[in-house]
Amino acid sequence: MTALSLEKINKSFGEVHVLKDIDLTVSEGEFIVFVGPSGCGKSTLLRVIAGLEDASSGTIRIGGSDVTTTPPAKRGIAMVFQSYALYPHLDVEGNMALGLKQAGEAKTVISERIAMAARMLSLDEYLKRRPAELSGGQRQRVAIGRAIVRKPELFLFDEPLSNLDAALRMATRVEIARLHRELGASMIYVTHDQTEAMTLADRIVVLRDGRIEQVGSPMQLYNDPDNQFVAGFLGAPSMNFLPAAPLGAKGATLGIRPEHLRVAADGPLAGTVAHVERLGGDTNLLVTTDAGDTVTVRLFRQHDHRVDQRIALAFDPADAFAFDENGRRIRD
């Protein structure tokens, strides 16, 4: 069954055309991540799905029903915001219960749903605390719990981890993935962080300038990008791009991921180490080639390379990506 269908969605703010002919189908139970640089339209698209912004044209269907002009409260969605959006005067239980009370749910139903969400999110001992008495990670879990108790057809997450530190982001990311498995719910998640996209998504939607560049599973996009933008956006460190002709490759540009470069005495890329990042399990080298390009080399484990050292680099041509002058992928 289809959880969400977007057909030719456009959105303009005055003369500014923000979303351009967006077509997308989300299956029931699927975890979809919208990713792209700032200003690409990902948060606007989420707000259009939620009904917080009206589409300028196009059709939105949730669970098979046309909701293009339906108010947000009647779309069967629940949204989790970056800012948590908790009521400071209510305790955790009150924050999670408010929407259900407003919908006229019975007290027994409200109690059962809050107990279920609190158990899933390990919030049982915090139900009588107010938001000011909670950590950032706990507040975000309350915001997620408030969404869970509504039992929506579709969960919408708008950069929910942006306000958390690195350790909490990782822990909460794991928590969201677990919740998705347990609830079996359809989820759409907006982020600018490609690591979140790669680790959470069933499918990633890559956006640029209000258009969908490519849709696919994380590994499909990583291993088989349609264009230079997608190839460069996914992966950390980012893909290296070099003029193709000096390397004997067809196309205007050759893309090589950092992990596919290796130090080799007879390698075709010679240069000087400009910087060394020692990460413990990995070592990243930033190398300035003799042609003036900068490339990143990802070496597994620890290495003793040093700044200003002369090195040569090699790669397997089968691991490289060729792009034409417009950035489109050239496939054999």
C-alpha atoms as a PDB file:
ATOM      1  CA  MET A   1       0.000   0.000   0.000  1.00  0.00           C
ATOM      2  CA  THR A   2       1.147   3.560  -0.720  1.00  0.00           C
ATOM      3  CA  ALA A   3       1.688   5.719   2.362  1.00  0.00           C
ATOM      4  CA  LEU A   4       2.364   8.945   0.465  1.00  0.00           C
ATOM      5  CA  SER A   5       2.110  10.042  -3.136  1.00  0.00           C
ATOM      6  CA  LEU A   6       3.327  13.395  -4.455  1.00  0.00           C
ATOM      7  CA  GLU A   7       2.380  14.323  -8.013  1.00  0.00           C
ATOM      8  CA  LYS A   8       3.908  17.358  -9.728  1.00  0.00           C
ATOM      9  CA  ILE A   9       4.250  19.368  -6.519  1.00  0.00           C
ATOM     10  CA  ASN A  10       5.294  22.978  -7.055  1.00  0.00           C
ATOM     11  CA  LYS A  11       5.723  25.709  -4.459  1.00  0.00           C
ATOM     12  CA  SER A  12       6.486  29.362  -5.049  1.00  0.00           C
ATOM     13  CA  PHE A  13       6.939  32.251  -2.657  1.00  0.00           C
ATOM     14  CA  GLY A  14       6.166  35.228  -4.843  1.00  0.00           C
ATOM     15  CA  GLU A  15       8.614  35.117  -7.728  1.00  0.00           C
ATOM     16  CA  VAL A  16      10.800  32.484  -6.070  1.00  0.00           C
ATOM     17  CA  HIS A  17      10.097  28.965  -7.354  1.00  0.00           C
ATOM     18  CA  VAL A  18      11.146  26.737  -4.428  1.00  0.00           C
ATOM     19  CA  LEU A  19       9.790  23.283  -5.363  1.00  0.00           C
ATOM     20  CA  LYS A  20       9.718  22.186  -8.987  1.00  0.00           C
ATOM     21  CA  ASP A  21       7.606  19.277 -10.245  1.00  0.00           C
ATOM     22  CA  ILE A  22       8.247  16.927  -7.319  1.00  0.00           C
ATOM     23  CA  ASP A  23       7.056  13.347  -7.963  1.00  0.00           C
ATOM     24  CA  LEU A  24       7.525  10.758  -5.220  1.00  0.00           C
ATOM     25  CA  THR A  25       5.837   7.609  -3.942  1.00  0.00           C
ATOM     26  CA  VAL A  26       6.467   6.290  -0.419  1.00  0.00           C
ATOM     27  CA  SER A  27       5.460   2.723   0.437  1.00  0.00           C
ATOM     28  CA  GLU A  28       3.787   1.779   3.707  1.00  0.00           C
ATOM     29  CA  GLY A  29       6.380   1.238   6.436  1.00  0.00           C
ATOM     30  CA  GLU A  30       9.176   2.865   4.439  1.00  0.00           C
ATOM     31  CA  PHE A  31      11.775   5.200   5.990  1.00  0.00           C
ATOM     32  CA  ILE A  32      12.507   8.000   3.536  1.00  0.00           C
ATOM     33  CA  VAL A  33      15.162  10.670   4.106  1.00  0.00           C
ATOM     34  CA  PHE A  34      15.200  14.023   2.300  1.00  0.00           C
ATOM     35  CA  VAL A  35      18.760  15.276   2.080  1.00  0.00           C
ATOM     36  CA  GLY A  36      20.478  18.159   0.369  1.00  0.00           C
ATOM     37  CA  PRO A  37      22.314  21.432   1.013  1.00  0.00           C
ATOM     38  CA  SER A  38      20.743  24.435   2.710  1.00  0.00           C
ATOM     39  CA  GLY A  39      18.138  26.069   0.502  1.00  0.00           C
ATOM     40  CA  CYS A  40      17.455  22.964  -1.606  1.00  0.00           C
ATOM     41  CA  GLY A  41      13.779  22.843  -0.555  1.00  0.00           C
ATOM     42  CA  LYS A  42      13.769  19.775   1.697  1.00  0.00           C
ATOM     43  CA  SER A  43      12.151  21.444   4.729  1.00  0.00           C
ATOM     44  CA  THR A  44       9.666  23.292   2.517  1.00  0.00           C
ATOM     45  CA  LEU A  45       8.673  19.986   0.927  1.00  0.00           C
ATOM     46  CA  LEU A  46       8.120  18.458   4.376  1.00  0.00           C
ATOM     47  CA  ARG A  47       5.964  21.424   5.395  1.00  0.00           C
ATOM     48  CA  VAL A  48       3.910  21.071   2.222  1.00  0.00           C
ATOM     49  CA  ILE A  49       3.317  17.389   3.023  1.00  0.00           C
ATOM     50  CA  ALA A  50       2.300  18.362   6.560  1.00  0.00           C
ATOM     51  CA  GLY A  51      -0.041  21.091   5.319  1.00  0.00           C
ATOM     52  CA  LEU A  52       1.906  23.852   7.079  1.00  0.00           C
ATOM     53  CA  GLU A  53       2.509  25.328   3.614  1.00  0.00           C
ATOM     54  CA  ASP A  54       0.091  25.129   0.699  1.00  0.00           C
ATOM     55  CA  ALA A  55       1.342  23.622  -2.554  1.00  0.00           C
ATOM     56  CA  SER A  56       1.144  26.088  -5.440  1.00  0.00           C
ATOM     57  CA  SER A  57       0.143  23.164  -7.661  1.00  0.00           C
ATOM     58  CA  GLY A  58       0.120  19.378  -7.644  1.00  0.00           C
ATOM     59  CA  THR A  59      -1.537  16.619  -5.637  1.00  0.00           C
ATOM     60  CA  ILE A  60      -0.717  15.119  -2.219  1.00  0.00           C
ATOM     61  CA  ARG A  61      -2.167  11.754  -1.208  1.00  0.00           C
ATOM     62  CA  ILE A  62      -1.688  10.156   2.209  1.00  0.00           C
ATOM     63  CA  GLY A  63      -2.911   6.594   2.601  1.00  0.00           C
ATOM     64  CA  GLY A  64      -4.693   6.867  -0.739  1.00  0.00           C
ATOM     65  CA  SER A  65      -6.722   9.960   0.223  1.00  0.00           C
ATOM     66  CA  ASP A  66      -6.257  13.314  -1.513  1.00  0.00           C
ATOM     67  CA  VAL A  67      -5.181  15.712   1.269  1.00  0.00           C
ATOM     68  CA  THR A  68      -3.925  18.550  -0.929  1.00  0.00           C
ATOM     69  CA  THR A  69      -6.340  21.028   0.670  1.00  0.00           C
ATOM     70  CA  THR A  70      -6.910  19.174   3.962  1.00  0.00           C
ATOM     71  CA  PRO A  71      -5.922  21.015   7.191  1.00  0.00           C
ATOM     72  CA  PRO A  72      -2.795  19.647   8.946  1.00  0.00           C
ATOM     73  CA  ALA A  73      -4.752  18.265  11.922  1.00  0.00           C
ATOM     74  CA  LYS A  74      -6.806  16.045   9.636  1.00  0.00           C
ATOM     75  CA  ARG A  75      -4.013  14.623   7.478  1.00  0.00           C
ATOM     76  CA  GLY A  76      -3.139  11.726   9.787  1.00  0.00           C
ATOM     77  CA  ILE A  77       0.420  12.939  10.280  1.00  0.00           C
ATOM     78  CA  ALA A  78       2.587  13.694  13.317  1.00  0.00           C
ATOM     79  CA  MET A  79       5.569  16.015  13.077  1.00  0.00           C
ATOM     80  CA  VAL A  80       8.726  16.169  15.202  1.00  0.00           C
ATOM     81  CA  PHE A  81      10.537  19.505  15.010  1.00  0.00           C
ATOM     82  CA  GLN A  82      14.164  20.495  15.446  1.00  0.00           C
ATOM     83  CA  SER A  83      13.182  22.784  18.352  1.00  0.00           C
ATOM     84  CA  TYR A  84      11.205  20.061  20.228  1.00  0.00           C
ATOM     85  CA  ALA A  85       8.217  22.500  20.531  1.00  0.00           C
ATOM     86  CA  LEU A  86       7.317  21.312  24.051  1.00  0.00           C
ATOM     87  CA  TYR A  87       5.010  23.220  26.392  1.00  0.00           C
ATOM     88  CA  PRO A  88       7.228  24.379  29.289  1.00  0.00           C
ATOM     89  CA  HIS A  89       4.375  24.537  31.829  1.00  0.00           C
ATOM     90  CA  LEU A  90       3.369  20.898  31.225  1.00  0.00           C
ATOM     91  CA  ASP A  91       5.211  17.833  32.471  1.00  0.00           C
ATOM     92  CA  VAL A  92       6.246  15.010  30.143  1.00  0.00           C
ATOM     93  CA  GLU A  93       2.944  13.205  30.587  1.00  0.00           C
ATOM     94  CA  GLY A  94       1.002  16.399  29.928  1.00  0.00           C
ATOM     95  CA  ASN A  95       2.963  17.172  26.768  1.00  0.00           C
ATOM     96  CA  MET A  96       2.314  13.715  25.370  1.00  0.00           C
ATOM     97  CA  ALA A  97      -1.349  13.748  26.377  1.00  0.00           C
ATOM     98  CA  LEU A  98      -2.336  17.198  25.111  1.00  0.00           C
ATOM     99  CA  GLY A  99      -3.004  16.301  21.481  1.00  0.00           C
ATOM    100  CA  LEU A 100      -5.043  13.266  22.468  1.00  0.00           C
ATOM    101  CA  LYS A 101      -7.114  15.318  24.911  1.00  0.00           C
ATOM    102  CA  GLN A 102      -7.796  17.896  22.220  1.00  0.00           C
ATOM    103  CA  ALA A 103      -8.902  15.077  19.910  1.00  0.00           C
ATOM    104  CA  GLY A 104     -11.373  13.886  22.566  1.00  0.00           C
ATOM    105  CA  GLU A 105      -9.751  10.515  23.269  1.00  0.00           C
ATOM    106  CA  ALA A 106     -10.882   8.600  26.368  1.00  0.00           C
ATOM    107  CA  LYS A 107      -8.705   8.806  29.486  1.00  0.00           C
ATOM    108  CA  THR A 108      -8.001   5.065  29.399  1.00  0.00           C
ATOM    109  CA  VAL A 109      -6.798   5.301  25.781  1.00  0.00           C
ATOM    110  CA  ILE A 110      -4.583   8.264  26.651  1.00  0.00           C
ATOM    111  CA  SER A 111      -3.053   6.441  29.619  1.00  0.00           C
ATOM    112  CA  GLU A 112      -2.404   3.292  27.587  1.00  0.00           C
ATOM    113  CA  ARG A 113      -0.737   5.173  24.748  1.00  0.00           C
ATOM    114  CA  ILE A 114       1.436   7.278  27.053  1.00  0.00           C
ATOM    115  CA  ALA A 115       2.529   4.165  28.941  1.00  0.00           C
ATOM    116  CA  MET A 116       3.421   2.457  25.654  1.00  0.00           C
ATOM    117  CA  ALA A 117       5.411   5.450  24.341  1.00  0.00           C
ATOM    118  CA  ALA A 118       7.169   6.008  27.672  1.00  0.00           C
ATOM    119  CA  ARG A 119       8.214   2.353  27.769  1.00  0.00           C
ATOM    120  CA  MET A 120       9.534   2.439  24.193  1.00  0.00           C
ATOM    121  CA  LEU A 121      11.474   5.655  24.834  1.00  0.00           C
ATOM    122  CA  SER A 122      12.669   4.875  28.389  1.00  0.00           C
ATOM    123  CA  LEU A 123      10.777   7.885  29.752  1.00  0.00           C
ATOM    124  CA  ASP A 124       8.828   6.118  32.539  1.00  0.00           C
ATOM    125  CA  GLU A 125      10.729   7.798  35.354  1.00  0.00           C
ATOM    126  CA  TYR A 126      10.482  11.255  33.792  1.00  0.00           C
ATOM    127  CA  LEU A 127       6.714  11.515  33.262  1.00  0.00           C
ATOM    128  CA  LYS A 128       6.241  14.076  36.037  1.00  0.00           C
ATOM    129  CA  ARG A 129       9.184  16.265  35.055  1.00  0.00           C
ATOM    130  CA  ARG A 130       8.883  19.470  33.058  1.00  0.00           C
ATOM    131  CA  PRO A 131      11.004  20.142  29.945  1.00  0.00           C
ATOM    132  CA  ALA A 132      13.372  22.448  31.854  1.00  0.00           C
ATOM    133  CA  GLU A 133      14.334  19.490  34.057  1.00  0.00           C
ATOM    134  CA  LEU A 134      15.316  17.311  31.075  1.00  0.00           C
ATOM    135  CA  SER A 135      18.422  17.029  28.918  1.00  0.00           C
ATOM    136  CA  GLY A 136      18.279  17.843  25.218  1.00  0.00           C
ATOM    137  CA  GLY A 137      18.139  14.166  24.317  1.00  0.00           C
ATOM    138  CA  GLN A 138      15.305  13.537  26.778  1.00  0.00           C
ATOM    139  CA  ARG A 139      13.333  16.491  25.401  1.00  0.00           C
ATOM    140  CA  GLN A 140      13.677  15.130  21.904  1.00  0.00           C
ATOM    141  CA  ARG A 141      12.429  11.749  23.085  1.00  0.00           C
ATOM    142  CA  VAL A 142       9.382  13.469  24.592  1.00  0.00           C
ATOM    143  CA  ALA A 143       8.724  15.165  21.252  1.00  0.00           C
ATOM    144  CA  ILE A 144       8.955  11.773  19.533  1.00  0.00           C
ATOM    145  CA  GLY A 145       6.683  10.256  22.194  1.00  0.00           C
ATOM    146  CA  ARG A 146       4.100  12.957  21.569  1.00  0.00           C
ATOM    147  CA  ALA A 147       4.088  11.890  17.922  1.00  0.00           C
ATOM    148  CA  ILE A 148       3.923   8.153  18.725  1.00  0.00           C
ATOM    149  CA  VAL A 149       0.841   8.408  20.950  1.00  0.00           C
ATOM    150  CA  ARG A 150      -1.186   9.867  18.077  1.00  0.00           C
ATOM    151  CA  LYS A 151      -0.644   6.691  16.023  1.00  0.00           C
ATOM    152  CA  PRO A 152      -0.363   8.666  12.779  1.00  0.00           C
ATOM    153  CA  GLU A 153      -0.333   7.259   9.263  1.00  0.00           C
ATOM    154  CA  LEU A 154       2.863   9.180   8.577  1.00  0.00           C
ATOM    155  CA  PHE A 155       5.676  10.484  10.825  1.00  0.00           C
ATOM    156  CA  LEU A 156       7.489  13.635   9.686  1.00  0.00           C
ATOM    157  CA  PHE A 157      10.869  14.560  11.216  1.00  0.00           C
ATOM    158  CA  ASP A 158      12.355  18.013  10.519  1.00  0.00           C
ATOM    159  CA  GLU A 159      16.083  17.849  11.386  1.00  0.00           C
ATOM    160  CA  PRO A 160      15.276  16.459  14.862  1.00  0.00           C
ATOM    161  CA  LEU A 161      18.882  15.887  15.934  1.00  0.00           C
ATOM    162  CA  SER A 162      20.424  19.235  14.977  1.00  0.00           C
ATOM    163  CA  ASN A 163      20.373  20.615  18.534  1.00  0.00           C
ATOM    164  CA  LEU A 164      22.087  17.578  20.078  1.00  0.00           C
ATOM    165  CA  ASP A 165      25.799  17.001  20.587  1.00  0.00           C
ATOM    166  CA  ALA A 166      27.603  14.300  18.594  1.00  0.00           C
ATOM    167  CA  ALA A 167      27.222  11.505  21.147  1.00  0.00           C
ATOM    168  CA  LEU A 168      23.516  12.210  21.676  1.00  0.00           C
ATOM    169  CA  ARG A 169      22.928  12.448  17.929  1.00  0.00           C
ATOM    170  CA  MET A 170      24.307   8.970  17.447  1.00  0.00           C
ATOM    171  CA  ALA A 171      22.335   7.518  20.375  1.00  0.00           C
ATOM    172  CA  THR A 172      19.081   9.159  19.267  1.00  0.00           C
ATOM    173  CA  ARG A 173      19.661   8.078  15.668  1.00  0.00           C
ATOM    174  CA  VAL A 174      19.872   4.475  16.852  1.00  0.00           C
ATOM    175  CA  GLU A 175      16.714   5.037  18.914  1.00  0.00           C
ATOM    176  CA  ILE A 176      14.780   6.358  15.905  1.00  0.00           C
ATOM    177  CA  ALA A 177      15.898   3.395  13.784  1.00  0.00           C
ATOM    178  CA  ARG A 178      14.738   0.999  16.520  1.00  0.00           C
ATOM    179  CA  LEU A 179      11.392   2.759  16.804  1.00  0.00           C
ATOM    180  CA  HIS A 180      10.888   2.483  13.062  1.00  0.00           C
ATOM    181  CA  ARG A 181      11.457  -1.265  13.226  1.00  0.00           C
ATOM    182  CA  GLU A 182       9.123  -1.689  16.197  1.00  0.00           C
ATOM    183  CA  LEU A 183       6.325   0.562  14.950  1.00  0.00           C
ATOM    184  CA  GLY A 184       6.544  -0.444  11.300  1.00  0.00           C
ATOM    185  CA  ALA A 185       5.374   3.092  10.515  1.00  0.00           C
ATOM    186  CA  SER A 186       6.042   5.221   7.439  1.00  0.00           C
ATOM    187  CA  MET A 187       8.551   7.953   8.213  1.00  0.00           C
ATOM    188  CA  ILE A 188       9.925  10.935   6.306  1.00  0.00           C
ATOM    189  CA  TYR A 189      13.017  12.515   7.774  1.00  0.00           C
ATOM    190  CA  VAL A 190      14.717  15.756   6.722  1.00  0.00           C
ATOM    191  CA  THR A 191      18.415  16.304   7.366  1.00  0.00           C
ATOM    192  CA  HIS A 192      21.433  18.073   5.919  1.00  0.00           C
ATOM    193  CA  ASP A 193      23.663  15.392   7.478  1.00  0.00           C
ATOM    194  CA  GLN A 194      24.516  12.710   4.933  1.00  0.00           C
ATOM    195  CA  THR A 195      25.630  10.343   7.729  1.00  0.00           C
ATOM    196  CA  GLU A 196      22.107  10.422   9.189  1.00  0.00           C
ATOM    197  CA  ALA A 197      20.709   9.820   5.718  1.00  0.00           C
ATOM    198  CA  MET A 198      23.001   6.872   5.008  1.00  0.00           C
ATOM    199  CA  THR A 199      22.409   5.153   8.350  1.00  0.00           C
ATOM    200  CA  LEU A 200      18.648   5.637   8.698  1.00  0.00           C
ATOM    201  CA  ALA A 201      17.054   5.515   5.263  1.00  0.00           C
ATOM    202  CA  ASP A 202      15.438   2.719   3.318  1.00  0.00           C
ATOM    203  CA  ARG A 203      15.619   5.206   0.459  1.00  0.00           C
ATOM    204  CA  ILE A 204      17.243   8.627   0.179  1.00  0.00           C
ATOM    205  CA  VAL A 205      15.774  11.503  -1.822  1.00  0.00           C
ATOM    206  CA  VAL A 206      18.575  13.878  -2.860  1.00  0.00           C
ATOM    207  CA  LEU A 207      17.332  17.402  -3.570  1.00  0.00           C
ATOM    208  CA  ARG A 208      19.028  20.365  -5.204  1.00  0.00           C
ATOM    209  CA  ASP A 209      17.498  23.717  -6.142  1.00  0.00           C
ATOM    210  CA  GLY A 210      13.971  22.432  -5.551  1.00  0.00           C
ATOM    211  CA  ARG A 211      14.300  19.349  -7.754  1.00  0.00           C
ATOM    212  CA  ILE A 212      14.875  15.674  -7.024  1.00  0.00           C
ATOM    213  CA  GLU A 213      18.301  14.685  -8.298  1.00  0.00           C
ATOM    214  CA  GLN A 214      18.063  10.972  -7.511  1.00  0.00           C
ATOM    215  CA  VAL A 215      16.132   8.515  -5.337  1.00  0.00           C
ATOM    216  CA  GLY A 216      17.483   5.171  -4.167  1.00  0.00           C
ATOM    217  CA  SER A 217      18.795   3.112  -1.282  1.00  0.00           C
ATOM    218  CA  PRO A 218      21.887   4.496   0.470  1.00  0.00           C
ATOM    219  CA  MET A 219      24.195   1.981  -1.202  1.00  0.00           C
ATOM    220  CA  GLN A 220      22.581   2.480  -4.623  1.00  0.00           C
ATOM    221  CA  LEU A 221      23.290   6.193  -4.453  1.00  0.00           C
ATOM    222  CA  TYR A 222      26.785   5.667  -3.049  1.00  0.00           C
ATOM    223  CA  ASN A 223      27.798   3.023  -5.585  1.00  0.00           C
ATOM    224  CA  ASP A 224      25.857   4.226  -8.617  1.00  0.00           C
ATOM    225  CA  PRO A 225      25.222   8.003  -8.523  1.00  0.00           C
ATOM    226  CA  ASP A 226      23.504   9.569 -11.537  1.00  0.00           C
ATOM    227  CA  ASN A 227      25.543  12.750 -11.464  1.00  0.00           C
ATOM    228  CA  GLN A 228      28.462  14.579  -9.926  1.00  0.00           C
ATOM    229  CA  PHE A 229      26.313  16.376  -7.363  1.00  0.00           C
ATOM    230  CA  VAL A 230      24.933  13.153  -5.842  1.00  0.00           C
ATOM    231  CA  ALA A 231      28.357  11.525  -5.978  1.00  0.00           C
ATOM    232  CA  GLY A 232      29.940  14.413  -4.102  1.00  0.00           C
ATOM    233  CA  PHE A 233      27.178  14.879  -1.560  1.00  0.00           C
ATOM    234  CA  LEU A 234      27.161  11.312  -0.214  1.00  0.00           C
ATOM    235  CA  GLY A 235      30.276   9.943   1.419  1.00  0.00           C
ATOM    236  CA  ALA A 236      32.654  11.174   4.116  1.00  0.00           C
ATOM    237  CA  PRO A 237      35.245  12.296   3.251  1.00  0.00           C
ATOM    238  CA  SER A 238      33.694  13.541  -0.001  1.00  0.00           C
ATOM    239  CA  MET A 239      34.535  12.144  -3.404  1.00  0.00           C
ATOM    240  CA  ASN A 240      37.577  13.620  -5.159  1.00  0.00           C
ATOM    241  CA  PHE A 241      37.013  15.205  -8.585  1.00  0.00           C
ATOM    242  CA  LEU A 242      39.895  15.522 -11.052  1.00  0.00           C
ATOM    243  CA  PRO A 243      40.262  16.450 -14.729  1.00  0.00           C
ATOM    244  CA  ALA A 244      39.796  13.194 -16.624  1.00  0.00           C
ATOM    245  CA  ALA A 245      42.081  13.734 -19.623  1.00  0.00           C
ATOM    246  CA  PRO A 246      45.457  13.661 -17.782  1.00  0.00           C
ATOM    247  CA  LEU A 247      44.438  10.351 -16.244  1.00  0.00           C
ATOM    248  CA  GLY A 248      43.531   8.821 -19.601  1.00  0.00           C
ATOM    249  CA  ALA A 249      39.831   8.590 -18.789  1.00  0.00           C
ATOM    250  CA  LYS A 250      36.836   9.550 -20.922  1.00  0.00           C
ATOM    251  CA  GLY A 251      34.615  12.412 -19.865  1.00  0.00           C
ATOM    252  CA  ALA A 252      35.378  15.842 -18.456  1.00  0.00           C
ATOM    253  CA  THR A 253      35.765  14.827 -14.806  1.00  0.00           C
ATOM    254  CA  LEU A 254      36.877  11.721 -12.972  1.00  0.00           C
ATOM    255  CA  GLY A 255      35.496  11.005  -9.492  1.00  0.00           C
ATOM    256  CA  ILE A 256      37.476   8.848  -7.051  1.00  0.00           C
ATOM    257  CA  ARG A 257      36.392   8.143  -3.488  1.00  0.00           C
ATOM    258  CA  PRO A 258      39.099   8.704  -0.848  1.00  0.00           C
ATOM    259  CA  GLU A 259      39.084   5.037   0.183  1.00  0.00           C
ATOM    260  CA  HIS A 260      39.841   3.992  -3.409  1.00  0.00           C
ATOM    261  CA  LEU A 261      43.123   5.904  -3.551  1.00  0.00           C
ATOM    262  CA  ARG A 262      46.231   4.140  -2.314  1.00  0.00           C
ATOM    263  CA  VAL A 263      49.859   5.140  -1.878  1.00  0.00           C
ATOM    264  CA  ALA A 264      51.936   3.494  -4.632  1.00  0.00           C
ATOM    265  CA  ALA A 265      55.456   4.302  -5.810  1.00  0.00           C
ATOM    266  CA  ASP A 266      54.470   4.178  -9.483  1.00  0.00           C
ATOM    267  CA  GLY A 267      51.040   5.798  -9.149  1.00  0.00           C
ATOM    268  CA  PRO A 268      49.864   8.261 -11.837  1.00  0.00           C
ATOM    269  CA  LEU A 269      49.040  10.982  -9.274  1.00  0.00           C
ATOM    270  CA  ALA A 270      52.115  12.568  -7.707  1.00  0.00           C
ATOM    271  CA  GLY A 271      51.939  15.270  -5.083  1.00  0.00           C
ATOM    272  CA  THR A 272      52.799  16.565  -1.640  1.00  0.00           C
ATOM    273  CA  VAL A 273      51.062  15.838   1.652  1.00  0.00           C
ATOM    274  CA  ALA A 274      49.481  19.111   2.828  1.00  0.00           C
ATOM    275  CA  HIS A 275      47.770  17.830   5.970  1.00  0.00           C
ATOM    276  CA  VAL A 276      47.399  14.610   7.975  1.00  0.00           C
ATOM    277  CA  GLU A 277      44.286  13.702   9.994  1.00  0.00           C
ATOM    278  CA  ARG A 278      45.063  10.916  12.461  1.00  0.00           C
ATOM    279  CA  LEU A 279      41.714   9.468  13.579  1.00  0.00           C
ATOM    280  CA  GLY A 280      42.964   6.310  15.278  1.00  0.00           C
ATOM    281  CA  GLY A 281      41.240   3.702  13.156  1.00  0.00           C
ATOM    282  CA  ASP A 282      41.755   5.719   9.954  1.00  0.00           C
ATOM    283  CA  THR A 283      44.267   8.200   8.597  1.00  0.00           C
ATOM    284  CA  ASN A 284      43.210  10.881   6.117  1.00  0.00           C
ATOM    285  CA  LEU A 285      45.797  12.536   3.912  1.00  0.00           C
ATOM    286  CA  LEU A 286      45.132  15.807   2.092  1.00  0.00           C
ATOM    287  CA  VAL A 287      47.436  15.782  -0.899  1.00  0.00           C
ATOM    288  CA  THR A 288      48.179  18.641  -3.291  1.00  0.00           C
ATOM    289  CA  THR A 289      48.924  17.097  -6.670  1.00  0.00           C
ATOM    290  CA  ASP A 290      51.585  18.435  -9.002  1.00  0.00           C
ATOM    291  CA  ALA A 291      48.738  19.693 -11.219  1.00  0.00           C
ATOM    292  CA  GLY A 292      47.469  21.854  -8.345  1.00  0.00           C
ATOM    293  CA  ASP A 293      44.425  19.777  -7.377  1.00  0.00           C
ATOM    294  CA  THR A 294      43.709  18.735  -3.780  1.00  0.00           C
ATOM    295  CA  VAL A 295      42.627  15.164  -3.085  1.00  0.00           C
ATOM    296  CA  THR A 296      41.754  13.310   0.104  1.00  0.00           C
ATOM    297  CA  VAL A 297      43.122   9.818   0.688  1.00  0.00           C
ATOM    298  CA  ARG A 298      41.487   7.602   3.291  1.00  0.00           C
ATOM    299  CA  LEU A 299      43.876   4.979   4.662  1.00  0.00           C
ATOM    300  CA  PHE A 300      42.625   2.347   7.064  1.00  0.00           C
ATOM    301  CA  ARG A 301      44.473   2.010  10.362  1.00  0.00           C
ATOM    302  CA  GLN A 302      47.392   4.208  11.439  1.00  0.00           C
ATOM    303  CA  HIS A 303      50.140   5.439   9.102  1.00  0.00           C
ATOM    304  CA  ASP A 304      53.241   7.563   9.606  1.00  0.00           C
ATOM    305  CA  HIS A 305      52.952   9.922   6.642  1.00  0.00           C
ATOM    306  CA  ARG A 306      53.959  13.514   7.359  1.00  0.00           C
ATOM    307  CA  VAL A 307      53.287  16.994   6.011  1.00  0.00           C
ATOM    308  CA  ASP A 308      55.471  17.987   2.999  1.00  0.00           C
ATOM    309  CA  GLN A 309      56.196  14.341   2.192  1.00  0.00           C
ATOM    310  CA  ARG A 310      56.254  13.523  -1.523  1.00  0.00           C
ATOM    311  CA  ILE A 311      53.993  10.610  -2.427  1.00  0.00           C
ATOM    312  CA  ALA A 312      52.358   9.019  -5.465  1.00  0.00           C
ATOM    313  CA  LEU A 313      48.813   7.694  -5.570  1.00  0.00           C
ATOM    314  CA  ALA A 314      47.137   4.964  -7.601  1.00  0.00           C
ATOM    315  CA  PHE A 315      43.591   3.669  -8.019  1.00  0.00           C
ATOM    316  CA  ASP A 316      41.711   0.912  -9.802  1.00  0.00           C
ATOM    317  CA  PRO A 317      39.979   2.428 -12.876  1.00  0.00           C
ATOM    318  CA  ALA A 318      36.990   0.180 -12.135  1.00  0.00           C
ATOM    319  CA  ASP A 319      36.413   2.166  -8.923  1.00  0.00           C
ATOM    320  CA  ALA A 320      36.379   5.559 -10.675  1.00  0.00           C
ATOM    321  CA  PHE A 321      33.320   7.495 -11.898  1.00  0.00           C
ATOM    322  CA  ALA A 322      33.305   9.467 -15.160  1.00  0.00           C
ATOM    323  CA  PHE A 323      31.191  12.601 -15.610  1.00  0.00           C
ATOM    324  CA  ASP A 324      30.549  14.729 -18.679  1.00  0.00           C
ATOM    325  CA  GLU A 325      30.932  18.509 -18.881  1.00  0.00           C
ATOM    326  CA  ASN A 326      27.417  18.956 -17.433  1.00  0.00           C
ATOM    327  CA  GLY A 327      28.149  16.723 -14.442  1.00  0.00           C
ATOM    328  CA  ARG A 328      26.082  13.788 -15.732  1.00  0.00           C
ATOM    329  CA  ARG A 329      27.412  10.300 -15.093  1.00  0.00           C
ATOM    330  CA  ILE A 330      28.956   8.481 -18.047  1.00  0.00           C
ATOM    331  CA  ARG A 331      28.204   4.778 -17.769  1.00  0.00           C
ATOM    332  CA  ASP A 332      29.817   2.104 -19.919  1.00  0.00           C
END
